[in-house]
Amino acid sequence: MLRRHKATTTTATTTTTTPVATSDVPASSPTRQDMQDTDRLQGTIATRAYALYEERGYRHGCDLQDWLDAEREILSRKPHMVA
């Protein structure tokens, strides 16, 4: 579905309005595959963070540190995609 917008151009003496068609989804929107990859990555990080929580004797109050450590481990072994 396309939405119609008007682009306005103003010069010193005239104003021009031109209809412009744009898509409902911006070009930079993540694709379904991107979202699935993100969900999978977060699941992997969550699993590792829980393993770290177990390894540390179920110590409460370290959840953020467990997550950050897990994230660092996982992201350091995954090749980064460049858009």
PDB file of N, CA and C in Angstrom:
ATOM      1  N   MET A   1       0.844  -1.176   0.000  1.00  0.00           N
ATOM      2  CA  MET A   1       0.000   0.000   0.000  1.00  0.00           C
ATOM      3  C   MET A   1       0.886   1.234   0.000  1.00  0.00           C
ATOM      4  N   LEU A   2       0.572   2.164  -0.832  1.00  0.00           N
ATOM      5  CA  LEU A   2       1.339   3.390  -0.927  1.00  0.00           C
ATOM      6  C   LEU A   2       0.562   4.537  -0.302  1.00  0.00           C
ATOM      7  N   ARG A   3       1.276   5.388   0.379  1.00  0.00           N
ATOM      8  CA  ARG A   3       0.674   6.611   0.898  1.00  0.00           C
ATOM      9  C   ARG A   3       1.149   7.758   0.038  1.00  0.00           C
ATOM     10  N   ARG A   4       0.316   8.712  -0.158  1.00  0.00           N
ATOM     11  CA  ARG A   4       0.685   9.888  -0.941  1.00  0.00           C
ATOM     12  C   ARG A   4       1.059  11.019  -0.006  1.00  0.00           C
ATOM     13  N   HIS A   5       2.214  11.572  -0.246  1.00  0.00           N
ATOM     14  CA  HIS A   5       2.694  12.740   0.493  1.00  0.00           C
ATOM     15  C   HIS A   5       2.976  13.831  -0.520  1.00  0.00           C
ATOM     16  N   LYS A   6       3.063  15.034  -0.025  1.00  0.00           N
ATOM     17  CA  LYS A   6       3.393  16.148  -0.905  1.00  0.00           C
ATOM     18  C   LYS A   6       4.736  16.718  -0.485  1.00  0.00           C
ATOM     19  N   ALA A   7       5.600  16.847  -1.459  1.00  0.00           N
ATOM     20  CA  ALA A   7       6.887  17.489  -1.225  1.00  0.00           C
ATOM     21  C   ALA A   7       6.759  18.935  -1.662  1.00  0.00           C
ATOM     22  N   THR A   8       7.162  19.846  -0.809  1.00  0.00           N
ATOM     23  CA  THR A   8       7.055  21.261  -1.123  1.00  0.00           C
ATOM     24  C   THR A   8       8.442  21.837  -1.349  1.00  0.00           C
ATOM     25  N   THR A   9       8.595  22.514  -2.483  1.00  0.00           N
ATOM     26  CA  THR A   9       9.846  23.170  -2.823  1.00  0.00           C
ATOM     27  C   THR A   9       9.579  24.663  -2.907  1.00  0.00           C
ATOM     28  N   THR A  10      10.364  25.447  -2.186  1.00  0.00           N
ATOM     29  CA  THR A  10      10.163  26.889  -2.189  1.00  0.00           C
ATOM     30  C   THR A  10      11.407  27.574  -2.738  1.00  0.00           C
ATOM     31  N   THR A  11      11.191  28.466  -3.686  1.00  0.00           N
ATOM     32  CA  THR A  11      12.275  29.309  -4.183  1.00  0.00           C
ATOM     33  C   THR A  11      11.941  30.740  -3.804  1.00  0.00           C
ATOM     34  N   ALA A  12      12.748  31.659  -4.213  1.00  0.00           N
ATOM     35  CA  ALA A  12      12.551  33.067  -3.850  1.00  0.00           C
ATOM     36  C   ALA A  12      11.201  33.591  -4.320  1.00  0.00           C
ATOM     37  N   THR A  13      10.679  33.084  -5.437  1.00  0.00           N
ATOM     38  CA  THR A  13       9.446  33.666  -5.982  1.00  0.00           C
ATOM     39  C   THR A  13       8.282  32.690  -6.068  1.00  0.00           C
ATOM     40  N   THR A  14       8.527  31.365  -6.072  1.00  0.00           N
ATOM     41  CA  THR A  14       7.424  30.419  -6.245  1.00  0.00           C
ATOM     42  C   THR A  14       7.515  29.268  -5.261  1.00  0.00           C
ATOM     43  N   THR A  15       6.368  28.642  -5.021  1.00  0.00           N
ATOM     44  CA  THR A  15       6.295  27.427  -4.210  1.00  0.00           C
ATOM     45  C   THR A  15       5.677  26.345  -5.072  1.00  0.00           C
ATOM     46  N   THR A  16       6.330  25.181  -5.143  1.00  0.00           N
ATOM     47  CA  THR A  16       5.846  24.072  -5.955  1.00  0.00           C
ATOM     48  C   THR A  16       5.535  22.893  -5.047  1.00  0.00           C
ATOM     49  N   THR A  17       4.353  22.311  -5.225  1.00  0.00           N
ATOM     50  CA  THR A  17       3.972  21.127  -4.461  1.00  0.00           C
ATOM     51  C   THR A  17       3.865  19.961  -5.423  1.00  0.00           C
ATOM     52  N   THR A  18       4.586  18.885  -5.129  1.00  0.00           N
ATOM     53  CA  THR A  18       4.614  17.716  -5.992  1.00  0.00           C
ATOM     54  C   THR A  18       4.209  16.489  -5.185  1.00  0.00           C
ATOM     55  N   PRO A  19       3.242  15.687  -5.671  1.00  0.00           N
ATOM     56  CA  PRO A  19       2.884  14.465  -4.951  1.00  0.00           C
ATOM     57  C   PRO A  19       4.044  13.464  -4.987  1.00  0.00           C
ATOM     58  N   VAL A  20       4.282  12.817  -3.854  1.00  0.00           N
ATOM     59  CA  VAL A  20       5.348  11.835  -3.745  1.00  0.00           C
ATOM     60  C   VAL A  20       4.763  10.572  -3.139  1.00  0.00           C
ATOM     61  N   ALA A  21       4.979   9.398  -3.769  1.00  0.00           N
ATOM     62  CA  ALA A  21       4.497   8.127  -3.240  1.00  0.00           C
ATOM     63  C   ALA A  21       5.583   7.499  -2.387  1.00  0.00           C
ATOM     64  N   THR A  22       5.202   7.045  -1.188  1.00  0.00           N
ATOM     65  CA  THR A  22       6.150   6.355  -0.326  1.00  0.00           C
ATOM     66  C   THR A  22       5.501   5.072   0.158  1.00  0.00           C
ATOM     67  N   SER A  23       6.311   4.102   0.485  1.00  0.00           N
ATOM     68  CA  SER A  23       5.828   2.830   0.985  1.00  0.00           C
ATOM     69  C   SER A  23       5.516   2.943   2.469  1.00  0.00           C
ATOM     70  N   ASP A  24       4.658   2.059   2.974  1.00  0.00           N
ATOM     71  CA  ASP A  24       4.374   2.016   4.406  1.00  0.00           C
ATOM     72  C   ASP A  24       5.591   1.571   5.203  1.00  0.00           C
ATOM     73  N   VAL A  25       6.469   0.803   4.590  1.00  0.00           N
ATOM     74  CA  VAL A  25       7.635   0.262   5.270  1.00  0.00           C
ATOM     75  C   VAL A  25       8.877   1.005   4.792  1.00  0.00           C
ATOM     76  N   PRO A  26       9.573   1.688   5.691  1.00  0.00           N
ATOM     77  CA  PRO A  26      10.791   2.388   5.284  1.00  0.00           C
ATOM     78  C   PRO A  26      11.828   1.396   4.749  1.00  0.00           C
ATOM     79  N   ALA A  27      12.686   1.871   3.865  1.00  0.00           N
ATOM     80  CA  ALA A  27      13.703   1.009   3.267  1.00  0.00           C
ATOM     81  C   ALA A  27      14.645   0.435   4.312  1.00  0.00           C
ATOM     82  N   SER A  28      14.824   1.121   5.425  1.00  0.00           N
ATOM     83  CA  SER A  28      15.748   0.660   6.452  1.00  0.00           C
ATOM     84  C   SER A  28      15.104  -0.293   7.457  1.00  0.00           C
ATOM     85  N   SER A  29      13.831  -0.659   7.272  1.00  0.00           N
ATOM     86  CA  SER A  29      13.167  -1.563   8.198  1.00  0.00           C
ATOM     87  C   SER A  29      13.797  -2.941   8.145  1.00  0.00           C
ATOM     88  N   PRO A  30      13.914  -3.586   9.319  1.00  0.00           N
ATOM     89  CA  PRO A  30      14.488  -4.930   9.321  1.00  0.00           C
ATOM     90  C   PRO A  30      13.558  -5.918   8.629  1.00  0.00           C
ATOM     91  N   THR A  31      14.145  -6.876   7.959  1.00  0.00           N
ATOM     92  CA  THR A  31      13.349  -7.908   7.306  1.00  0.00           C
ATOM     93  C   THR A  31      12.976  -8.965   8.341  1.00  0.00           C
ATOM     94  N   ARG A  32      12.084  -9.848   7.960  1.00  0.00           N
ATOM     95  CA  ARG A  32      11.689 -10.942   8.844  1.00  0.00           C
ATOM     96  C   ARG A  32      12.918 -11.779   9.216  1.00  0.00           C
ATOM     97  N   GLN A  33      13.800 -12.028   8.236  1.00  0.00           N
ATOM     98  CA  GLN A  33      15.012 -12.811   8.491  1.00  0.00           C
ATOM     99  C   GLN A  33      15.911 -12.100   9.499  1.00  0.00           C
ATOM    100  N   ASP A  34      16.045 -10.773   9.370  1.00  0.00           N
ATOM    101  CA  ASP A  34      16.849 -10.003  10.324  1.00  0.00           C
ATOM    102  C   ASP A  34      16.286 -10.152  11.736  1.00  0.00           C
ATOM    103  N   MET A  35      14.969 -10.082  11.851  1.00  0.00           N
ATOM    104  CA  MET A  35      14.336 -10.187  13.160  1.00  0.00           C
ATOM    105  C   MET A  35      14.516 -11.590  13.738  1.00  0.00           C
ATOM    106  N   GLN A  36      14.430 -12.626  12.894  1.00  0.00           N
ATOM    107  CA  GLN A  36      14.645 -13.986  13.364  1.00  0.00           C
ATOM    108  C   GLN A  36      16.092 -14.172  13.815  1.00  0.00           C
ATOM    109  N   ASP A  37      17.034 -13.605  13.052  1.00  0.00           N
ATOM    110  CA  ASP A  37      18.444 -13.684  13.434  1.00  0.00           C
ATOM    111  C   ASP A  37      18.684 -12.996  14.770  1.00  0.00           C
ATOM    112  N   THR A  38      18.047 -11.850  14.967  1.00  0.00           N
ATOM    113  CA  THR A  38      18.180 -11.115  16.229  1.00  0.00           C
ATOM    114  C   THR A  38      17.599 -11.920  17.378  1.00  0.00           C
ATOM    115  N   ASP A  39      16.421 -12.509  17.162  1.00  0.00           N
ATOM    116  CA  ASP A  39      15.801 -13.338  18.201  1.00  0.00           C
ATOM    117  C   ASP A  39      16.689 -14.528  18.553  1.00  0.00           C
ATOM    118  N   ARG A  40      17.264 -15.154  17.537  1.00  0.00           N
ATOM    119  CA  ARG A  40      18.151 -16.303  17.756  1.00  0.00           C
ATOM    120  C   ARG A  40      19.396 -15.874  18.538  1.00  0.00           C
ATOM    121  N   LEU A  41      19.963 -14.738  18.167  1.00  0.00           N
ATOM    122  CA  LEU A  41      21.144 -14.227  18.860  1.00  0.00           C
ATOM    123  C   LEU A  41      20.823 -13.929  20.317  1.00  0.00           C
ATOM    124  N   GLN A  42      19.692 -13.283  20.565  1.00  0.00           N
ATOM    125  CA  GLN A  42      19.316 -12.981  21.942  1.00  0.00           C
ATOM    126  C   GLN A  42      19.077 -14.255  22.745  1.00  0.00           C
ATOM    127  N   GLY A  43      18.507 -15.267  22.110  1.00  0.00           N
ATOM    128  CA  GLY A  43      18.303 -16.551  22.782  1.00  0.00           C
ATOM    129  C   GLY A  43      19.624 -17.206  23.151  1.00  0.00           C
ATOM    130  N   THR A  44      20.585 -17.143  22.239  1.00  0.00           N
ATOM    131  CA  THR A  44      21.915 -17.704  22.496  1.00  0.00           C
ATOM    132  C   THR A  44      22.588 -16.971  23.646  1.00  0.00           C
ATOM    133  N   ILE A  45      22.486 -15.657  23.641  1.00  0.00           N
ATOM    134  CA  ILE A  45      23.076 -14.856  24.714  1.00  0.00           C
ATOM    135  C   ILE A  45      22.391 -15.165  26.046  1.00  0.00           C
ATOM    136  N   ALA A  46      21.074 -15.280  26.035  1.00  0.00           N
ATOM    137  CA  ALA A  46      20.328 -15.578  27.258  1.00  0.00           C
ATOM    138  C   ALA A  46      20.727 -16.939  27.828  1.00  0.00           C
ATOM    139  N   THR A  47      20.895 -17.917  26.950  1.00  0.00           N
ATOM    140  CA  THR A  47      21.304 -19.254  27.399  1.00  0.00           C
ATOM    141  C   THR A  47      22.684 -19.208  28.046  1.00  0.00           C
ATOM    142  N   ARG A  48      23.609 -18.485  27.414  1.00  0.00           N
ATOM    143  CA  ARG A  48      24.961 -18.368  27.969  1.00  0.00           C
ATOM    144  C   ARG A  48      24.954 -17.571  29.271  1.00  0.00           C
ATOM    145  N   ALA A  49      24.134 -16.518  29.344  1.00  0.00           N
ATOM    146  CA  ALA A  49      24.040 -15.717  30.567  1.00  0.00           C
ATOM    147  C   ALA A  49      23.522 -16.575  31.725  1.00  0.00           C
ATOM    148  N   TYR A  50      22.570 -17.440  31.432  1.00  0.00           N
ATOM    149  CA  TYR A  50      22.059 -18.318  32.487  1.00  0.00           C
ATOM    150  C   TYR A  50      23.136 -19.317  32.924  1.00  0.00           C
ATOM    151  N   ALA A  51      23.914 -19.817  31.961  1.00  0.00           N
ATOM    152  CA  ALA A  51      25.010 -20.729  32.303  1.00  0.00           C
ATOM    153  C   ALA A  51      26.025 -20.021  33.208  1.00  0.00           C
ATOM    154  N   LEU A  52      26.306 -18.761  32.906  1.00  0.00           N
ATOM    155  CA  LEU A  52      27.222 -17.992  33.766  1.00  0.00           C
ATOM    156  C   LEU A  52      26.622 -17.815  35.169  1.00  0.00           C
ATOM    157  N   TYR A  53      25.332 -17.569  35.241  1.00  0.00           N
ATOM    158  CA  TYR A  53      24.617 -17.440  36.506  1.00  0.00           C
ATOM    159  C   TYR A  53      24.766 -18.737  37.314  1.00  0.00           C
ATOM    160  N   GLU A  54      24.616 -19.878  36.640  1.00  0.00           N
ATOM    161  CA  GLU A  54      24.799 -21.175  37.309  1.00  0.00           C
ATOM    162  C   GLU A  54      26.236 -21.346  37.785  1.00  0.00           C
ATOM    163  N   GLU A  55      27.180 -21.032  36.895  1.00  0.00           N
ATOM    164  CA  GLU A  55      28.602 -21.183  37.232  1.00  0.00           C
ATOM    165  C   GLU A  55      28.998 -20.319  38.425  1.00  0.00           C
ATOM    166  N   ARG A  56      28.334 -19.201  38.598  1.00  0.00           N
ATOM    167  CA  ARG A  56      28.657 -18.292  39.706  1.00  0.00           C
ATOM    168  C   ARG A  56      27.857 -18.615  40.972  1.00  0.00           C
ATOM    169  N   GLY A  57      27.243 -19.777  40.978  1.00  0.00           N
ATOM    170  CA  GLY A  57      26.520 -20.211  42.171  1.00  0.00           C
ATOM    171  C   GLY A  57      25.184 -19.525  42.374  1.00  0.00           C
ATOM    172  N   TYR A  58      24.512 -19.178  41.278  1.00  0.00           N
ATOM    173  CA  TYR A  58      23.182 -18.544  41.323  1.00  0.00           C
ATOM    174  C   TYR A  58      23.198 -17.260  42.146  1.00  0.00           C
ATOM    175  N   ARG A  59      24.264 -16.506  41.998  1.00  0.00           N
ATOM    176  CA  ARG A  59      24.432 -15.259  42.747  1.00  0.00           C
ATOM    177  C   ARG A  59      23.495 -14.187  42.184  1.00  0.00           C
ATOM    178  N   HIS A  60      22.632 -13.681  43.029  1.00  0.00           N
ATOM    179  CA  HIS A  60      21.684 -12.642  42.618  1.00  0.00           C
ATOM    180  C   HIS A  60      22.379 -11.291  42.541  1.00  0.00           C
ATOM    181  N   GLY A  61      21.835 -10.416  41.697  1.00  0.00           N
ATOM    182  CA  GLY A  61      22.369  -9.072  41.575  1.00  0.00           C
ATOM    183  C   GLY A  61      23.457  -8.933  40.519  1.00  0.00           C
ATOM    184  N   CYS A  62      23.772 -10.040  39.838  1.00  0.00           N
ATOM    185  CA  CYS A  62      24.825  -9.998  38.813  1.00  0.00           C
ATOM    186  C   CYS A  62      24.256 -10.264  37.430  1.00  0.00           C
ATOM    187  N   ASP A  63      22.941 -10.127  37.284  1.00  0.00           N
ATOM    188  CA  ASP A  63      22.304 -10.471  36.016  1.00  0.00           C
ATOM    189  C   ASP A  63      22.804  -9.618  34.852  1.00  0.00           C
ATOM    190  N   LEU A  64      22.995  -8.341  35.075  1.00  0.00           N
ATOM    191  CA  LEU A  64      23.492  -7.477  33.998  1.00  0.00           C
ATOM    192  C   LEU A  64      24.914  -7.872  33.606  1.00  0.00           C
ATOM    193  N   GLN A  65      25.743  -8.140  34.605  1.00  0.00           N
ATOM    194  CA  GLN A  65      27.113  -8.544  34.311  1.00  0.00           C
ATOM    195  C   GLN A  65      27.139  -9.891  33.579  1.00  0.00           C
ATOM    196  N   ASP A  66      26.272 -10.818  33.992  1.00  0.00           N
ATOM    197  CA  ASP A  66      26.178 -12.113  33.299  1.00  0.00           C
ATOM    198  C   ASP A  66      25.780 -11.903  31.842  1.00  0.00           C
ATOM    199  N   TRP A  67      24.793 -11.042  31.626  1.00  0.00           N
ATOM    200  CA  TRP A  67      24.334 -10.770  30.247  1.00  0.00           C
ATOM    201  C   TRP A  67      25.459 -10.146  29.419  1.00  0.00           C
ATOM    202  N   LEU A  68      26.111  -9.142  29.973  1.00  0.00           N
ATOM    203  CA  LEU A  68      27.179  -8.464  29.229  1.00  0.00           C
ATOM    204  C   LEU A  68      28.350  -9.391  28.932  1.00  0.00           C
ATOM    205  N   ASP A  69      28.696 -10.241  29.900  1.00  0.00           N
ATOM    206  CA  ASP A  69      29.769 -11.214  29.667  1.00  0.00           C
ATOM    207  C   ASP A  69      29.375 -12.196  28.572  1.00  0.00           C
ATOM    208  N   ALA A  70      28.153 -12.683  28.632  1.00  0.00           N
ATOM    209  CA  ALA A  70      27.660 -13.624  27.613  1.00  0.00           C
ATOM    210  C   ALA A  70      27.625 -12.957  26.248  1.00  0.00           C
ATOM    211  N   GLU A  71      27.139 -11.741  26.203  1.00  0.00           N
ATOM    212  CA  GLU A  71      27.068 -10.998  24.940  1.00  0.00           C
ATOM    213  C   GLU A  71      28.467 -10.811  24.344  1.00  0.00           C
ATOM    214  N   ARG A  72      29.409 -10.447  25.179  1.00  0.00           N
ATOM    215  CA  ARG A  72      30.784 -10.249  24.717  1.00  0.00           C
ATOM    216  C   ARG A  72      31.350 -11.556  24.151  1.00  0.00           C
ATOM    217  N   GLU A  73      31.122 -12.667  24.865  1.00  0.00           N
ATOM    218  CA  GLU A  73      31.609 -13.967  24.394  1.00  0.00           C
ATOM    219  C   GLU A  73      30.995 -14.348  23.047  1.00  0.00           C
ATOM    220  N   ILE A  74      29.690 -14.239  22.960  1.00  0.00           N
ATOM    221  CA  ILE A  74      28.975 -14.664  21.746  1.00  0.00           C
ATOM    222  C   ILE A  74      29.350 -13.772  20.568  1.00  0.00           C
ATOM    223  N   LEU A  75      29.343 -12.466  20.776  1.00  0.00           N
ATOM    224  CA  LEU A  75      29.628 -11.554  19.665  1.00  0.00           C
ATOM    225  C   LEU A  75      31.087 -11.606  19.224  1.00  0.00           C
ATOM    226  N   SER A  76      31.979 -11.984  20.118  1.00  0.00           N
ATOM    227  CA  SER A  76      33.386 -12.061  19.719  1.00  0.00           C
ATOM    228  C   SER A  76      33.658 -13.273  18.837  1.00  0.00           C
ATOM    229  N   ARG A  77      32.809 -14.294  18.889  1.00  0.00           N
ATOM    230  CA  ARG A  77      33.024 -15.457  18.026  1.00  0.00           C
ATOM    231  C   ARG A  77      32.198 -15.414  16.770  1.00  0.00           C
ATOM    232  N   LYS A  78      31.203 -14.547  16.688  1.00  0.00           N
ATOM    233  CA  LYS A  78      30.372 -14.420  15.479  1.00  0.00           C
ATOM    234  C   LYS A  78      30.972 -13.372  14.551  1.00  0.00           C
ATOM    235  N   PRO A  79      31.071 -13.682  13.261  1.00  0.00           N
ATOM    236  CA  PRO A  79      31.515 -12.630  12.331  1.00  0.00           C
ATOM    237  C   PRO A  79      30.440 -11.565  12.236  1.00  0.00           C
ATOM    238  N   HIS A  80      30.848 -10.314  12.232  1.00  0.00           N
ATOM    239  CA  HIS A  80      29.898  -9.207  12.159  1.00  0.00           C
ATOM    240  C   HIS A  80      29.511  -8.966  10.712  1.00  0.00           C
ATOM    241  N   MET A  81      28.223  -8.775  10.494  1.00  0.00           N
ATOM    242  CA  MET A  81      27.712  -8.491   9.154  1.00  0.00           C
ATOM    243  C   MET A  81      27.790  -6.990   8.924  1.00  0.00           C
ATOM    244  N   VAL A  82      28.276  -6.599   7.771  1.00  0.00           N
ATOM    245  CA  VAL A  82      28.357  -5.187   7.412  1.00  0.00           C
ATOM    246  C   VAL A  82      27.285  -4.908   6.377  1.00  0.00           C
ATOM    247  N   ALA A  83      26.454  -3.921   6.661  1.00  0.00           N
ATOM    248  CA  ALA A  83      25.353  -3.592   5.746  1.00  0.00           C
ATOM    249  C   ALA A  83      25.836  -2.741   4.597  1.00  0.00           C
TER     250      ALA A  83
END
